[in-house]
Amino acid sequence: MAGKVSKNARRDGAKQLSSRWGGVIKMKSVFENGKLRHVAYCEKTGNTARKVRDLM
C-alpha cells in the first residue's frame, strides 16, 4: 500500500527535538491547582519550560 499516507500516520517517524544541552525534549502534562498544564522538559538535565522553543 504505497499510496497516500495521512498526517497522523506519518507522525510515527517524527524528528526528535534536541535541547541546547544535548538531551531530547519531551512533553508532559502536569495537573496542579485544579488545572492541566503542558510542560516541555529536557531528558538529560531535567530543565522544564512552558514551550519547546525555550529549551532549544
N, C-alpha and C. Protein backbone atom coordinates (compact mmCIF):
# COMPACT_ATOMS: atom_id res chain seq x y z
N MET A 1 0.83 -1.18 0.00
CA MET A 1 0.00 0.00 0.00
C MET A 1 0.87 1.24 0.00
N ALA A 2 1.41 1.57 -1.13
CA ALA A 2 2.30 2.72 -1.23
C ALA A 2 1.54 3.92 -1.78
N GLY A 3 0.36 4.18 -1.24
CA GLY A 3 -0.43 5.32 -1.68
C GLY A 3 -0.20 6.51 -0.79
N LYS A 4 -1.24 7.31 -0.66
CA LYS A 4 -1.13 8.48 0.19
C LYS A 4 -1.14 8.06 1.66
N VAL A 5 -0.39 8.79 2.48
CA VAL A 5 -0.31 8.50 3.91
C VAL A 5 -0.82 9.72 4.66
N SER A 6 -1.70 9.50 5.61
CA SER A 6 -2.26 10.63 6.36
C SER A 6 -1.20 11.24 7.27
N LYS A 7 -1.48 12.48 7.69
CA LYS A 7 -0.51 13.17 8.56
C LYS A 7 -0.35 12.47 9.89
N ASN A 8 -1.42 11.81 10.39
CA ASN A 8 -1.32 11.10 11.66
C ASN A 8 -0.47 9.84 11.55
N ALA A 9 -0.49 9.20 10.41
CA ALA A 9 0.32 8.00 10.21
C ALA A 9 1.80 8.38 10.09
N ARG A 10 2.08 9.56 9.55
CA ARG A 10 3.47 10.00 9.38
C ARG A 10 4.09 10.42 10.69
N ARG A 11 3.28 10.72 11.68
CA ARG A 11 3.78 11.22 12.96
C ARG A 11 4.71 10.22 13.64
N ASP A 12 4.56 8.95 13.35
CA ASP A 12 5.37 7.92 13.98
C ASP A 12 6.86 8.14 13.77
N GLY A 13 7.26 8.59 12.61
CA GLY A 13 8.68 8.79 12.32
C GLY A 13 9.10 10.24 12.48
N ALA A 14 8.46 10.95 13.39
CA ALA A 14 8.76 12.38 13.58
C ALA A 14 10.17 12.56 14.12
N LYS A 15 10.73 13.72 13.85
CA LYS A 15 12.08 14.02 14.33
C LYS A 15 12.06 14.23 15.84
N GLN A 16 13.17 13.91 16.47
CA GLN A 16 13.31 14.18 17.89
C GLN A 16 13.96 15.54 18.04
N LEU A 17 13.38 16.37 18.85
CA LEU A 17 13.94 17.69 19.10
C LEU A 17 15.01 17.59 20.17
N SER A 18 16.11 18.32 19.98
CA SER A 18 17.17 18.26 20.97
C SER A 18 17.34 19.63 21.62
N SER A 19 17.66 19.63 22.89
CA SER A 19 17.84 20.88 23.63
C SER A 19 19.25 21.40 23.45
N ARG A 20 19.49 22.58 24.01
CA ARG A 20 20.83 23.17 23.88
C ARG A 20 21.86 22.43 24.72
N TRP A 21 21.40 21.57 25.63
CA TRP A 21 22.30 20.77 26.46
C TRP A 21 22.54 19.39 25.89
N GLY A 22 21.94 19.08 24.74
CA GLY A 22 22.17 17.81 24.07
C GLY A 22 21.19 16.71 24.42
N GLY A 23 20.20 16.99 25.23
CA GLY A 23 19.20 15.99 25.59
C GLY A 23 17.99 16.06 24.66
N VAL A 24 17.14 15.05 24.72
CA VAL A 24 15.93 15.01 23.92
C VAL A 24 14.83 15.76 24.66
N ILE A 25 14.06 16.58 23.92
CA ILE A 25 12.97 17.34 24.51
C ILE A 25 11.69 16.52 24.42
N LYS A 26 11.01 16.36 25.55
CA LYS A 26 9.74 15.63 25.61
C LYS A 26 8.69 16.55 26.21
N MET A 27 7.42 16.20 26.00
CA MET A 27 6.31 16.95 26.58
C MET A 27 5.64 16.09 27.65
N LYS A 28 5.13 16.74 28.69
CA LYS A 28 4.35 16.02 29.69
C LYS A 28 3.25 16.95 30.20
N SER A 29 2.19 16.35 30.74
CA SER A 29 1.08 17.11 31.29
C SER A 29 1.16 17.06 32.81
N VAL A 30 0.96 18.21 33.43
CA VAL A 30 1.04 18.31 34.88
C VAL A 30 -0.28 18.87 35.39
N PHE A 31 -0.88 18.19 36.36
CA PHE A 31 -2.14 18.64 36.95
C PHE A 31 -1.85 19.22 38.32
N GLU A 32 -2.01 20.54 38.45
CA GLU A 32 -1.79 21.20 39.74
C GLU A 32 -2.74 22.39 39.86
N ASN A 33 -3.18 22.63 41.08
CA ASN A 33 -4.12 23.71 41.38
C ASN A 33 -5.40 23.61 40.55
N GLY A 34 -5.82 22.39 40.27
CA GLY A 34 -7.06 22.19 39.52
C GLY A 34 -6.96 22.48 38.04
N LYS A 35 -5.75 22.64 37.52
CA LYS A 35 -5.57 22.94 36.10
C LYS A 35 -4.60 21.95 35.48
N LEU A 36 -4.81 21.64 34.21
CA LEU A 36 -3.93 20.76 33.47
C LEU A 36 -3.01 21.62 32.61
N ARG A 37 -1.70 21.53 32.86
CA ARG A 37 -0.72 22.31 32.10
C ARG A 37 0.18 21.37 31.32
N HIS A 38 0.62 21.81 30.16
CA HIS A 38 1.56 21.04 29.35
C HIS A 38 2.93 21.68 29.49
N VAL A 39 3.94 20.87 29.75
CA VAL A 39 5.29 21.36 30.03
C VAL A 39 6.28 20.61 29.15
N ALA A 40 7.25 21.32 28.61
CA ALA A 40 8.35 20.70 27.87
C ALA A 40 9.50 20.49 28.84
N TYR A 41 10.19 19.35 28.73
CA TYR A 41 11.34 19.11 29.61
C TYR A 41 12.45 18.39 28.85
N CYS A 42 13.68 18.63 29.31
CA CYS A 42 14.86 18.01 28.73
C CYS A 42 15.14 16.73 29.51
N GLU A 43 15.28 15.61 28.81
CA GLU A 43 15.53 14.34 29.49
C GLU A 43 16.90 14.28 30.13
N LYS A 44 17.87 14.98 29.56
CA LYS A 44 19.24 14.89 30.07
C LYS A 44 19.42 15.70 31.35
N THR A 45 18.96 16.95 31.36
CA THR A 45 19.21 17.82 32.50
C THR A 45 18.00 17.98 33.42
N GLY A 46 16.80 17.70 32.91
CA GLY A 46 15.60 17.86 33.71
C GLY A 46 15.05 19.28 33.71
N ASN A 47 15.63 20.17 32.91
CA ASN A 47 15.12 21.54 32.84
C ASN A 47 13.73 21.53 32.22
N THR A 48 12.85 22.40 32.71
CA THR A 48 11.50 22.48 32.19
C THR A 48 11.22 23.89 31.68
N ALA A 49 10.28 23.97 30.74
CA ALA A 49 9.85 25.25 30.20
C ALA A 49 8.42 25.11 29.70
N ARG A 50 7.77 26.24 29.50
CA ARG A 50 6.40 26.21 29.04
C ARG A 50 6.32 25.84 27.56
N LYS A 51 7.32 26.27 26.79
CA LYS A 51 7.35 26.00 25.35
C LYS A 51 8.63 25.24 25.00
N VAL A 52 8.55 24.44 23.96
CA VAL A 52 9.72 23.69 23.48
C VAL A 52 10.81 24.65 23.04
N ARG A 53 10.42 25.73 22.43
CA ARG A 53 11.38 26.70 21.88
C ARG A 53 12.29 27.28 22.96
N ASP A 54 11.79 27.36 24.19
CA ASP A 54 12.59 27.93 25.28
C ASP A 54 13.76 27.01 25.67
N LEU A 55 13.70 25.74 25.33
CA LEU A 55 14.78 24.81 25.66
C LEU A 55 15.78 24.63 24.52
N MET A 56 15.45 25.14 23.36
CA MET A 56 16.34 24.95 22.20
C MET A 56 17.43 25.99 22.15
